[in-house]
Amino acid sequence: MPLSLLIILSTYYLTQSWVQTKPIFQLGLSPVSECSGNVCVEVNPYTELTNIVFQLAGWNSGNVTPYSQEVESYFSPYRDHRAVLLAKKALREGLEYDAIPKFAMGLNSTEWSSYLVGRVHGNERLLNELAMAIKDFAQESNFSSFYRNHKEFYMEQIGLFLKENPDSFAIPRFEEMFFREKRTRWVFVLQPLEVYYSYGGWTNDTVYAFLGVCSFSNGTYSYCSASAHEFAHSFVNPAVDRHYGEFMEYKKMFSPVKDVMTSMGYSSWKTYLYETFVRAFEAYYKLKTEGNESAERFIKSQEALGFYLVGRVYRAYLTDYLPNREKYPTFKSFMPELARLIGDWYGEGFWKNISPEPTIRIAFMAFKADGVKVYAAQNLSESTYVKSYVEMLENAGFKVTLTDKLENGNLIVIAPLNSSVTRKLNRYVEIRGNSVVLNGVKYSKGVFLVEALRNPEGGFAMLIAGTPDVFEKKPSVGGDESLLNYHYFVYITSLKRAVAFG
């Protein structure tokens, strides 16, 4: 064989071997953490490193917190690094949302999970190349120095999270009691670069809740308290996977809500079951920690979003699963009974008439096509906000008329939080005077509540309620359009972004 050909073939096979082998690297950094027994709250160096690379690639570009700005300042010279370019490609392939922290936690594992490989459509080579590039990025940017220099900030975030969520260390025990299975380790991973989103994950016997920042006000970060939800997926998803064959014949029940669910990222009957069973558990968690009124409000909000089985599954938990520990020693063992119940509900046929509340996007599409009336309560029609809002709609091609009352047809209602009209229309968010309460935290300044509803008299209605200060300003136009897919959201003006709680 000619020497030149031998060299070419050797290079090819060496390259293929490198591509096919998953790289493993150690950062040599311990997570900044606080633990109690087998439960930890931490800021993990692998998720921070990965989130930095993905932020430079355009993910979470709306994050304007001081920490995000420090990241931009320190790492901006590496914006064109190969890791960032590959992260952009990975985002296009589907490595986004929960796949980002799951990829981060897999950097020092021996193989990629089938879930991650599936997210990039089987392109394991891309995962390997991205991992190698992130390793180079960490070394060339001296990420270790950045992480160590922010240890005090990370500890401060952990302290804030535990102060806002004093029951955090008790959640794992609550879940083990409900699902009737033990886990070796539980980890809350705080992600100060991730805005508004939280995810669940698990590897072997460790359960993770990856929590993003849900609000930033007066210099204080508030992390999303979706921990009970995210942890629950580690029990629910495997149980559904094992028994999915028993649910498949009822998948037509997904059809009435398919479009709405797909817009929220739940595009299949199986993922719909995951979310339904987890959210029914959440209702039970709220029952035990906040009382029946909170649980029922939560159920109504979920049903309005299109999770129309949550209330029924919740009641099945209360009346059948929980009282019968001997009959159902684990949550998995309750799956056949849930499948039977869903079969009964399928036979009733009520699901064929399900019509979820509209998303904000759907309401706006109707407003654009058919016109909309604007009603401003309590003399707000002369406010800076309302005048600018009407002008903005008209400039966007909407046919707008003003009205002085609630009436049928397409309607936008703009009102203070403490007004009678807000109390009449608001269904899903807790309001105390001129404050919105979200996950136990009260917000009294710079807050909008926005809800899309069906107008009982025909058409769609959208409620825009706010604290007094927001009506003194012009509407912001820098929100995240993807959040229009939600039924309701709260707009925190200090972040100039829409915060979704749908």
Protein backbone atom coordinates (compact mmCIF):
# COMPACT_ATOMS: atom_id res chain seq x y z
CA MET A 1 0.00 0.00 0.00
CA PRO A 2 1.43 3.43 -0.89
CA LEU A 3 2.62 5.39 2.15
CA SER A 4 0.43 8.40 1.30
CA LEU A 5 -2.72 6.25 1.19
CA LEU A 6 -1.75 4.56 4.45
CA ILE A 7 -1.41 7.95 6.13
CA ILE A 8 -4.80 9.09 4.83
CA LEU A 9 -6.55 5.91 6.01
CA SER A 10 -4.84 6.05 9.41
CA THR A 11 -5.91 9.65 9.87
CA TYR A 12 -9.49 8.77 8.91
CA TYR A 13 -9.79 5.88 11.35
CA LEU A 14 -8.15 7.81 14.17
CA THR A 15 -10.60 10.67 13.58
CA GLN A 16 -13.56 8.30 13.51
CA SER A 17 -12.37 6.65 16.74
CA TRP A 18 -12.12 10.04 18.42
CA VAL A 19 -15.58 11.03 17.27
CA GLN A 20 -17.18 7.78 18.40
CA THR A 21 -15.61 7.80 21.88
CA LYS A 22 -17.35 9.91 24.49
CA PRO A 23 -14.86 12.34 26.03
CA ILE A 24 -14.74 12.55 29.82
CA PHE A 25 -13.21 15.44 31.67
CA GLN A 26 -12.98 16.57 35.26
CA LEU A 27 -13.06 20.23 36.17
CA GLY A 28 -11.39 19.65 39.52
CA LEU A 29 -14.05 21.86 41.15
CA SER A 30 -16.43 20.85 43.92
CA PRO A 31 -19.96 22.28 43.78
CA VAL A 32 -20.67 25.20 46.09
CA SER A 33 -23.37 23.61 48.22
CA GLU A 34 -25.26 23.28 51.48
CA CYS A 35 -26.51 19.85 52.47
CA SER A 36 -28.72 18.26 55.07
CA GLY A 37 -28.38 14.48 55.09
CA ASN A 38 -28.81 13.25 51.52
CA VAL A 39 -30.38 16.50 50.28
CA CYS A 40 -28.22 19.29 48.82
CA VAL A 41 -28.72 22.74 47.35
CA GLU A 42 -25.86 23.64 45.04
CA VAL A 43 -24.51 25.74 42.21
CA ASN A 44 -22.80 23.13 40.07
CA PRO A 45 -19.63 23.97 38.09
CA TYR A 46 -20.64 21.75 35.16
CA THR A 47 -24.05 23.40 34.73
CA GLU A 48 -22.53 26.87 35.12
CA LEU A 49 -19.85 26.16 32.52
CA THR A 50 -22.39 24.75 30.08
CA ASN A 51 -24.89 27.55 30.70
CA ILE A 52 -22.16 30.14 30.03
CA VAL A 53 -21.34 28.56 26.68
CA PHE A 54 -25.02 28.34 25.72
CA GLN A 55 -25.69 31.92 26.81
CA LEU A 56 -22.88 33.10 24.52
CA ALA A 57 -24.60 31.03 21.82
CA GLY A 58 -27.85 32.98 22.28
CA TRP A 59 -29.76 30.92 24.84
CA ASN A 60 -31.31 33.05 27.61
CA SER A 61 -30.29 36.20 25.78
CA GLY A 62 -32.94 38.16 27.71
CA ASN A 63 -31.19 37.65 31.05
CA VAL A 64 -30.14 41.14 32.24
CA THR A 65 -29.20 40.32 35.83
CA PRO A 66 -25.84 41.58 37.20
CA TYR A 67 -24.44 38.04 37.22
CA SER A 68 -25.35 37.59 33.56
CA GLN A 69 -23.62 40.87 32.75
CA GLU A 70 -20.49 39.71 34.60
CA VAL A 71 -20.53 36.54 32.52
CA GLU A 72 -20.85 38.57 29.33
CA SER A 73 -17.97 40.85 30.38
CA TYR A 74 -15.59 38.05 31.40
CA PHE A 75 -16.29 35.58 28.60
CA SER A 76 -17.05 37.92 25.66
CA PRO A 77 -13.53 37.40 24.16
CA TYR A 78 -14.55 33.75 23.64
CA ARG A 79 -17.83 34.47 21.84
CA ASP A 80 -16.46 32.94 18.63
CA HIS A 81 -14.92 29.92 20.36
CA ARG A 82 -15.60 26.56 18.75
CA ALA A 83 -17.65 25.54 21.80
CA VAL A 84 -20.02 28.47 21.26
CA LEU A 85 -20.37 27.74 17.55
CA LEU A 86 -21.12 24.08 18.28
CA ALA A 87 -23.62 25.10 20.97
CA LYS A 88 -25.47 27.16 18.35
CA LYS A 89 -25.59 24.09 16.14
CA ALA A 90 -26.75 21.93 19.07
CA LEU A 91 -29.56 24.39 19.81
CA ARG A 92 -30.75 24.11 16.22
CA GLU A 93 -30.65 20.31 16.51
CA GLY A 94 -32.85 20.34 19.65
CA LEU A 95 -30.38 20.49 22.58
CA GLU A 96 -32.35 23.12 24.49
CA TYR A 97 -34.40 23.59 27.68
CA ASP A 98 -33.93 20.57 29.99
CA ALA A 99 -31.39 18.97 27.64
CA ILE A 100 -28.83 21.67 28.47
CA PRO A 101 -28.37 20.89 32.20
CA LYS A 102 -28.71 17.16 31.47
CA PHE A 103 -25.90 17.46 28.95
CA ALA A 104 -23.85 19.36 31.56
CA MET A 105 -24.30 16.61 34.15
CA GLY A 106 -23.25 14.04 31.57
CA LEU A 107 -19.90 15.67 30.81
CA ASN A 108 -18.08 13.52 33.35
CA SER A 109 -20.07 10.31 32.73
CA THR A 110 -18.92 7.34 30.68
CA GLU A 111 -21.72 7.54 28.07
CA TRP A 112 -24.50 9.80 26.89
CA SER A 113 -28.03 8.94 27.89
CA SER A 114 -30.36 7.73 25.15
CA TYR A 115 -32.51 10.77 25.97
CA LEU A 116 -29.74 13.22 25.04
CA VAL A 117 -28.83 11.28 21.91
CA GLY A 118 -32.49 11.37 20.91
CA ARG A 119 -32.67 15.13 21.45
CA VAL A 120 -30.04 15.65 18.73
CA HIS A 121 -31.66 13.04 16.43
CA GLY A 122 -28.96 10.44 17.03
CA ASN A 123 -26.06 12.79 16.29
CA GLU A 124 -23.79 11.50 19.05
CA ARG A 125 -20.80 12.90 17.18
CA LEU A 126 -22.15 16.41 17.82
CA LEU A 127 -22.41 15.70 21.57
CA ASN A 128 -18.81 14.42 21.63
CA GLU A 129 -17.46 17.37 19.67
CA LEU A 130 -19.35 19.85 21.84
CA ALA A 131 -18.04 18.20 25.03
CA MET A 132 -14.43 18.37 23.78
CA ALA A 133 -14.88 21.99 22.75
CA ILE A 134 -16.35 22.90 26.15
CA LYS A 135 -13.35 21.26 27.80
CA ASP A 136 -11.07 23.50 25.71
CA PHE A 137 -13.26 26.51 26.47
CA ALA A 138 -12.94 25.89 30.21
CA GLN A 139 -9.16 25.72 30.00
CA GLU A 140 -8.65 28.65 27.63
CA SER A 141 -11.03 30.99 29.48
CA ASN A 142 -9.82 29.92 32.93
CA PHE A 143 -13.38 29.09 33.93
CA SER A 144 -12.14 27.61 37.22
CA SER A 145 -10.94 31.04 38.32
CA PHE A 146 -14.30 32.62 37.45
CA TYR A 147 -16.19 29.94 39.39
CA ARG A 148 -13.96 30.21 42.47
CA ASN A 149 -14.18 34.00 42.44
CA HIS A 150 -17.97 33.76 42.56
CA LYS A 151 -18.14 31.29 45.44
CA GLU A 152 -19.45 33.99 47.80
CA PHE A 153 -22.17 34.91 45.27
CA TYR A 154 -23.16 31.25 44.88
CA MET A 155 -23.39 30.78 48.65
CA GLU A 156 -25.55 33.89 48.82
CA GLN A 157 -27.91 32.40 46.21
CA ILE A 158 -28.19 29.18 48.21
CA GLY A 159 -28.99 31.20 51.34
CA LEU A 160 -31.67 33.20 49.52
CA PHE A 161 -33.23 30.05 48.10
CA LEU A 162 -33.40 28.36 51.50
CA LYS A 163 -34.83 31.50 53.09
CA GLU A 164 -37.60 31.69 50.48
CA ASN A 165 -38.14 27.91 50.53
CA PRO A 166 -37.61 26.81 54.13
CA ASP A 167 -39.34 23.48 53.47
CA SER A 168 -36.90 22.48 50.70
CA PHE A 169 -35.11 19.80 52.70
CA ALA A 170 -38.50 18.25 53.57
CA ILE A 171 -39.70 17.88 49.96
CA PRO A 172 -37.74 14.66 49.21
CA ARG A 173 -39.19 12.92 52.24
CA PHE A 174 -42.69 14.03 51.19
CA GLU A 175 -42.14 12.61 47.70
CA GLU A 176 -40.74 9.32 48.99
CA MET A 177 -43.80 8.93 51.20
CA PHE A 178 -46.18 9.67 48.34
CA PHE A 179 -44.48 7.61 45.63
CA ARG A 180 -43.39 4.90 48.09
CA GLU A 181 -39.85 4.60 46.80
CA LYS A 182 -36.50 5.71 48.23
CA ARG A 183 -33.78 7.67 46.47
CA THR A 184 -30.15 7.83 47.56
CA ARG A 185 -29.54 11.52 46.88
CA TRP A 186 -31.56 14.65 46.08
CA VAL A 187 -30.04 17.81 44.60
CA PHE A 188 -31.50 21.26 43.98
CA VAL A 189 -29.26 22.80 41.30
CA LEU A 190 -29.61 26.59 41.22
CA GLN A 191 -28.98 28.10 37.78
CA PRO A 192 -28.52 31.89 38.01
CA LEU A 193 -28.09 32.11 34.22
CA GLU A 194 -31.33 30.24 33.43
CA VAL A 195 -34.36 32.54 33.45
CA TYR A 196 -37.92 31.35 34.13
CA TYR A 197 -37.41 27.66 33.37
CA SER A 198 -37.00 24.71 35.72
CA TYR A 199 -36.43 21.06 34.86
CA GLY A 200 -36.21 17.64 36.46
CA GLY A 201 -33.61 14.99 35.91
CA TRP A 202 -32.28 11.79 37.41
CA THR A 203 -29.32 9.48 37.03
CA ASN A 204 -29.18 6.10 38.72
CA ASP A 205 -30.41 6.89 42.25
CA THR A 206 -29.83 10.67 42.29
CA VAL A 207 -32.70 13.07 41.60
CA TYR A 208 -32.16 16.62 40.36
CA ALA A 209 -34.28 19.77 40.22
CA PHE A 210 -32.61 22.34 37.97
CA LEU A 211 -34.08 25.68 39.04
CA GLY A 212 -33.88 28.93 37.10
CA VAL A 213 -34.41 32.52 38.26
CA CYS A 214 -38.09 33.50 38.23
CA SER A 215 -37.68 37.12 39.28
CA PHE A 216 -35.03 39.70 40.07
CA SER A 217 -36.03 42.72 42.14
CA ASN A 218 -34.03 45.23 44.20
CA GLY A 219 -30.85 43.26 43.63
CA THR A 220 -32.36 40.01 44.89
CA TYR A 221 -32.65 36.80 42.86
CA SER A 222 -35.74 34.67 43.42
CA TYR A 223 -35.50 31.09 42.15
CA CYS A 224 -38.44 29.20 40.74
CA SER A 225 -39.92 27.01 43.44
CA ALA A 226 -40.95 24.22 41.08
CA SER A 227 -38.95 21.64 43.01
CA ALA A 228 -41.85 19.36 43.97
CA HIS A 229 -42.93 19.24 40.33
CA GLU A 230 -39.45 18.57 38.92
CA PHE A 231 -38.54 15.92 41.51
CA ALA A 232 -41.83 14.11 40.88
CA HIS A 233 -40.90 13.42 37.26
CA SER A 234 -38.22 10.99 38.47
CA PHE A 235 -41.01 8.73 39.79
CA VAL A 236 -43.81 9.44 37.32
CA ASN A 237 -41.96 9.17 34.02
CA PRO A 238 -40.49 5.68 34.61
CA ALA A 239 -43.87 4.46 35.90
CA VAL A 240 -45.65 5.69 32.77
CA ASP A 241 -42.91 4.28 30.54
CA ARG A 242 -43.28 0.83 32.08
CA HIS A 243 -47.06 0.74 31.66
CA TYR A 244 -47.50 2.95 28.61
CA GLY A 245 -48.96 0.09 26.58
CA GLU A 246 -51.98 0.11 28.89
CA PHE A 247 -52.66 3.80 28.12
CA MET A 248 -52.00 3.82 24.37
CA GLU A 249 -55.49 2.82 23.27
CA TYR A 250 -56.86 6.03 24.83
CA LYS A 251 -54.49 8.41 23.02
CA LYS A 252 -57.40 10.05 21.18
CA MET A 253 -58.01 11.88 24.47
CA PHE A 254 -54.97 13.98 23.57
CA SER A 255 -56.48 15.27 20.31
CA PRO A 256 -58.69 18.07 21.78
CA VAL A 257 -55.67 19.70 23.43
CA LYS A 258 -52.89 18.66 21.04
CA ASP A 259 -52.32 22.11 19.51
CA VAL A 260 -52.26 23.87 22.88
CA MET A 261 -50.00 21.23 24.42
CA THR A 262 -47.60 21.24 21.48
CA SER A 263 -47.22 25.00 21.84
CA MET A 264 -46.08 24.38 25.41
CA GLY A 265 -43.62 21.64 24.44
CA TYR A 266 -45.81 18.61 25.26
CA SER A 267 -46.33 17.08 21.85
CA SER A 268 -47.38 13.50 22.62
CA TRP A 269 -49.88 11.50 24.65
CA LYS A 270 -47.06 10.07 26.74
CA THR A 271 -45.65 13.47 27.74
CA TYR A 272 -49.21 14.61 28.42
CA LEU A 273 -49.61 11.71 30.85
CA TYR A 274 -46.29 12.60 32.52
CA GLU A 275 -47.46 16.16 33.09
CA THR A 276 -50.99 15.21 34.14
CA PHE A 277 -49.85 12.77 36.82
CA VAL A 278 -47.13 15.13 38.09
CA ARG A 279 -49.51 18.08 38.25
CA ALA A 280 -52.09 15.99 40.11
CA PHE A 281 -49.34 15.22 42.62
CA GLU A 282 -48.59 18.95 42.83
CA ALA A 283 -52.22 19.57 43.74
CA TYR A 284 -51.85 17.07 46.58
CA TYR A 285 -48.63 18.76 47.69
CA LYS A 286 -50.45 22.11 47.77
CA LEU A 287 -53.32 20.53 49.70
CA LYS A 288 -50.90 19.41 52.42
CA THR A 289 -48.74 22.53 52.51
CA GLU A 290 -51.13 25.38 51.62
CA GLY A 291 -54.64 24.04 52.15
CA ASN A 292 -57.64 22.99 50.08
CA GLU A 293 -58.34 26.42 48.56
CA SER A 294 -54.85 26.60 47.08
CA ALA A 295 -55.12 23.05 45.74
CA GLU A 296 -58.46 23.71 44.06
CA ARG A 297 -57.21 26.98 42.54
CA PHE A 298 -54.22 25.11 41.17
CA ILE A 299 -56.43 22.38 39.66
CA LYS A 300 -58.65 24.97 37.95
CA SER A 301 -55.62 26.72 36.48
CA GLN A 302 -54.24 23.44 35.12
CA GLU A 303 -57.57 22.43 33.62
CA ALA A 304 -57.85 25.84 31.95
CA LEU A 305 -54.46 25.24 30.36
CA GLY A 306 -55.73 21.98 28.88
CA PHE A 307 -54.68 19.45 31.54
CA TYR A 308 -58.31 18.50 31.91
CA LEU A 309 -57.65 15.19 33.71
CA VAL A 310 -55.67 16.69 36.62
CA GLY A 311 -58.69 17.02 38.90
CA ARG A 312 -59.85 13.47 38.23
CA VAL A 313 -56.41 11.98 38.76
CA TYR A 314 -55.98 14.04 41.94
CA ARG A 315 -59.21 12.65 43.34
CA ALA A 316 -58.11 9.14 42.38
CA TYR A 317 -54.97 9.71 44.42
CA LEU A 318 -57.05 10.86 47.41
CA THR A 319 -59.73 8.17 47.32
CA ASP A 320 -57.93 5.13 45.96
CA TYR A 321 -54.13 5.28 45.86
CA LEU A 322 -53.29 6.96 49.17
CA PRO A 323 -55.69 5.00 51.45
CA ASN A 324 -54.59 1.62 50.02
CA ARG A 325 -50.88 1.27 50.72
CA GLU A 326 -51.05 -2.55 50.87
CA LYS A 327 -52.87 -2.76 47.54
CA TYR A 328 -50.51 -0.25 45.91
CA PRO A 329 -47.10 -0.60 47.59
CA THR A 330 -45.50 1.71 44.98
CA PHE A 331 -46.71 4.37 42.57
CA LYS A 332 -45.82 2.07 39.69
CA SER A 333 -48.26 -0.50 41.01
CA PHE A 334 -51.07 2.08 40.73
CA MET A 335 -50.53 2.51 36.99
CA PRO A 336 -52.87 -0.33 35.88
CA GLU A 337 -55.66 1.19 37.98
CA LEU A 338 -55.01 4.65 36.51
CA ALA A 339 -55.12 3.12 33.04
CA ARG A 340 -58.46 1.48 33.90
CA LEU A 341 -59.85 4.80 35.17
CA ILE A 342 -58.71 6.64 32.06
CA GLY A 343 -60.38 3.92 30.04
CA ASP A 344 -63.62 4.61 31.90
CA TRP A 345 -63.27 8.35 31.27
CA TYR A 346 -62.53 7.63 27.64
CA GLY A 347 -65.79 5.71 27.45
CA GLU A 348 -67.73 8.61 28.95
CA GLY A 349 -66.79 10.72 25.92
CA PHE A 350 -66.74 14.06 27.77
CA TRP A 351 -63.21 14.69 26.50
CA LYS A 352 -64.50 15.18 22.95
CA ASN A 353 -66.04 18.50 24.07
CA ILE A 354 -62.95 19.81 25.89
CA SER A 355 -62.01 23.33 24.86
CA PRO A 356 -59.11 24.84 26.84
CA GLU A 357 -58.98 28.53 27.64
CA PRO A 358 -57.24 30.37 24.81
CA THR A 359 -53.56 31.15 24.95
CA ILE A 360 -52.55 34.78 24.73
CA ARG A 361 -51.33 34.15 21.18
CA ILE A 362 -54.73 32.77 20.13
CA ALA A 363 -56.53 35.75 21.68
CA PHE A 364 -54.26 38.21 19.87
CA MET A 365 -54.80 36.42 16.56
CA ALA A 366 -58.56 36.86 17.03
CA PHE A 367 -58.08 40.53 17.97
CA LYS A 368 -56.02 41.12 14.83
CA ALA A 369 -58.52 39.36 12.56
CA ASP A 370 -61.80 40.66 14.00
CA GLY A 371 -60.90 43.83 15.93
CA VAL A 372 -60.95 44.45 19.67
CA LYS A 373 -62.53 46.80 22.21
CA VAL A 374 -60.45 48.23 25.06
CA TYR A 375 -62.00 48.90 28.46
CA ALA A 376 -59.86 50.81 30.98
CA ALA A 377 -61.21 50.65 34.53
CA GLN A 378 -60.97 53.34 37.25
CA ASN A 379 -60.19 56.26 34.91
CA LEU A 380 -57.09 54.56 33.50
CA SER A 381 -58.12 55.57 29.98
CA GLU A 382 -56.06 58.77 30.39
CA SER A 383 -53.00 56.97 31.76
CA THR A 384 -49.70 56.89 29.86
CA TYR A 385 -49.87 53.12 29.66
CA VAL A 386 -53.35 52.84 28.15
CA LYS A 387 -52.84 55.65 25.61
CA SER A 388 -49.56 54.11 24.46
CA TYR A 389 -51.03 50.60 24.41
CA VAL A 390 -53.93 51.62 22.17
CA GLU A 391 -51.56 53.50 19.87
CA MET A 392 -49.26 50.46 19.71
CA LEU A 393 -52.19 48.21 18.71
CA GLU A 394 -53.32 50.62 16.02
CA ASN A 395 -49.81 50.95 14.61
CA ALA A 396 -49.67 47.14 14.43
CA GLY A 397 -52.80 47.06 12.28
CA PHE A 398 -55.42 46.24 14.93
CA LYS A 399 -58.87 47.79 14.63
CA VAL A 400 -59.37 49.25 18.13
CA THR A 401 -62.38 50.93 19.71
CA LEU A 402 -62.72 52.18 23.29
CA THR A 403 -65.59 51.16 25.53
CA ASP A 404 -66.63 52.16 29.03
CA LYS A 405 -67.99 48.79 30.15
CA LEU A 406 -67.56 45.03 30.04
CA GLU A 407 -69.33 43.72 26.95
CA ASN A 408 -69.39 40.83 24.52
CA GLY A 409 -66.97 40.21 21.67
CA ASN A 410 -63.20 40.60 21.71
CA LEU A 411 -62.24 42.67 24.71
CA ILE A 412 -59.05 43.87 26.43
CA VAL A 413 -59.63 44.92 30.03
CA ILE A 414 -56.95 47.09 31.67
CA ALA A 415 -57.40 47.54 35.41
CA PRO A 416 -55.58 47.92 38.75
CA LEU A 417 -54.95 44.70 40.65
CA ASN A 418 -57.23 45.77 43.50
CA SER A 419 -60.20 46.67 41.27
CA SER A 420 -63.54 44.90 41.34
CA VAL A 421 -63.25 44.03 37.64
CA THR A 422 -59.93 42.27 38.27
CA ARG A 423 -61.51 40.29 41.09
CA LYS A 424 -64.36 39.35 38.76
CA LEU A 425 -62.20 38.17 35.86
CA ASN A 426 -59.08 36.74 37.53
CA ARG A 427 -59.36 33.00 38.08
CA TYR A 428 -55.96 31.48 38.59
CA VAL A 429 -53.53 33.87 40.31
CA GLU A 430 -53.67 34.84 43.97
CA ILE A 431 -54.11 38.59 44.48
CA ARG A 432 -53.86 40.38 47.81
CA GLY A 433 -54.82 44.04 47.50
CA ASN A 434 -52.38 45.56 45.05
CA SER A 435 -50.01 42.58 45.13
CA VAL A 436 -49.65 39.34 43.22
CA VAL A 437 -48.63 36.24 45.19
CA LEU A 438 -46.59 33.66 43.29
CA ASN A 439 -45.23 30.57 44.99
CA GLY A 440 -45.69 32.26 48.36
CA VAL A 441 -43.78 35.42 47.37
CA LYS A 442 -45.70 38.74 47.27
CA TYR A 443 -44.90 41.23 44.48
CA SER A 444 -46.20 44.77 45.00
CA LYS A 445 -44.33 46.85 42.44
CA GLY A 446 -43.64 46.65 38.72
CA VAL A 447 -45.99 43.72 38.14
CA PHE A 448 -48.58 42.91 35.47
CA LEU A 449 -50.97 39.99 35.57
CA VAL A 450 -52.17 38.99 32.10
CA GLU A 451 -54.85 36.35 31.51
CA ALA A 452 -56.48 35.20 28.29
CA LEU A 453 -60.09 34.07 28.74
CA ARG A 454 -63.16 33.16 26.78
CA ASN A 455 -65.69 35.96 26.90
CA PRO A 456 -68.92 34.36 28.20
CA GLU A 457 -70.86 36.49 25.72
CA GLY A 458 -68.74 35.38 22.77
CA GLY A 459 -65.25 36.22 21.61
CA PHE A 460 -62.10 36.40 23.71
CA ALA A 461 -61.21 38.59 26.67
CA MET A 462 -57.77 39.51 27.94
CA LEU A 463 -57.26 40.92 31.40
CA ILE A 464 -54.25 43.17 31.98
CA ALA A 465 -54.06 44.06 35.68
CA GLY A 466 -51.14 45.80 37.33
CA THR A 467 -49.70 47.59 40.33
CA PRO A 468 -50.26 51.40 40.27
CA ASP A 469 -46.71 52.27 39.18
CA VAL A 470 -46.86 50.35 35.90
CA PHE A 471 -49.61 52.52 34.45
CA GLU A 472 -47.34 55.56 34.67
CA LYS A 473 -45.05 54.09 31.98
CA LYS A 474 -45.33 53.07 28.36
CA PRO A 475 -45.72 49.32 27.63
CA SER A 476 -42.48 47.45 27.08
CA VAL A 477 -42.08 45.77 23.71
CA GLY A 478 -39.07 43.62 24.61
CA GLY A 479 -40.88 40.54 25.90
CA ASP A 480 -40.26 36.95 24.87
CA GLU A 481 -42.79 36.16 22.15
CA SER A 482 -42.70 32.43 22.88
CA LEU A 483 -44.49 33.11 26.14
CA LEU A 484 -47.54 34.18 24.19
CA ASN A 485 -48.25 30.45 24.01
CA TYR A 486 -49.21 30.50 27.67
CA HIS A 487 -52.66 31.01 29.07
CA TYR A 488 -51.50 33.55 31.64
CA PHE A 489 -48.26 35.09 32.73
CA VAL A 490 -46.96 37.70 35.14
CA TYR A 491 -44.85 40.49 33.76
CA ILE A 492 -42.07 41.68 36.10
CA THR A 493 -41.00 45.06 34.73
CA SER A 494 -37.70 45.05 36.63
CA LEU A 495 -36.62 42.22 34.31
CA LYS A 496 -38.48 43.56 31.26
CA ARG A 497 -39.49 40.02 30.44
CA ALA A 498 -42.63 37.96 30.71
CA VAL A 499 -42.51 35.36 33.48
CA ALA A 500 -44.64 32.34 32.64
CA PHE A 501 -46.56 30.49 35.29
CA GLY A 502 -48.91 28.69 32.90
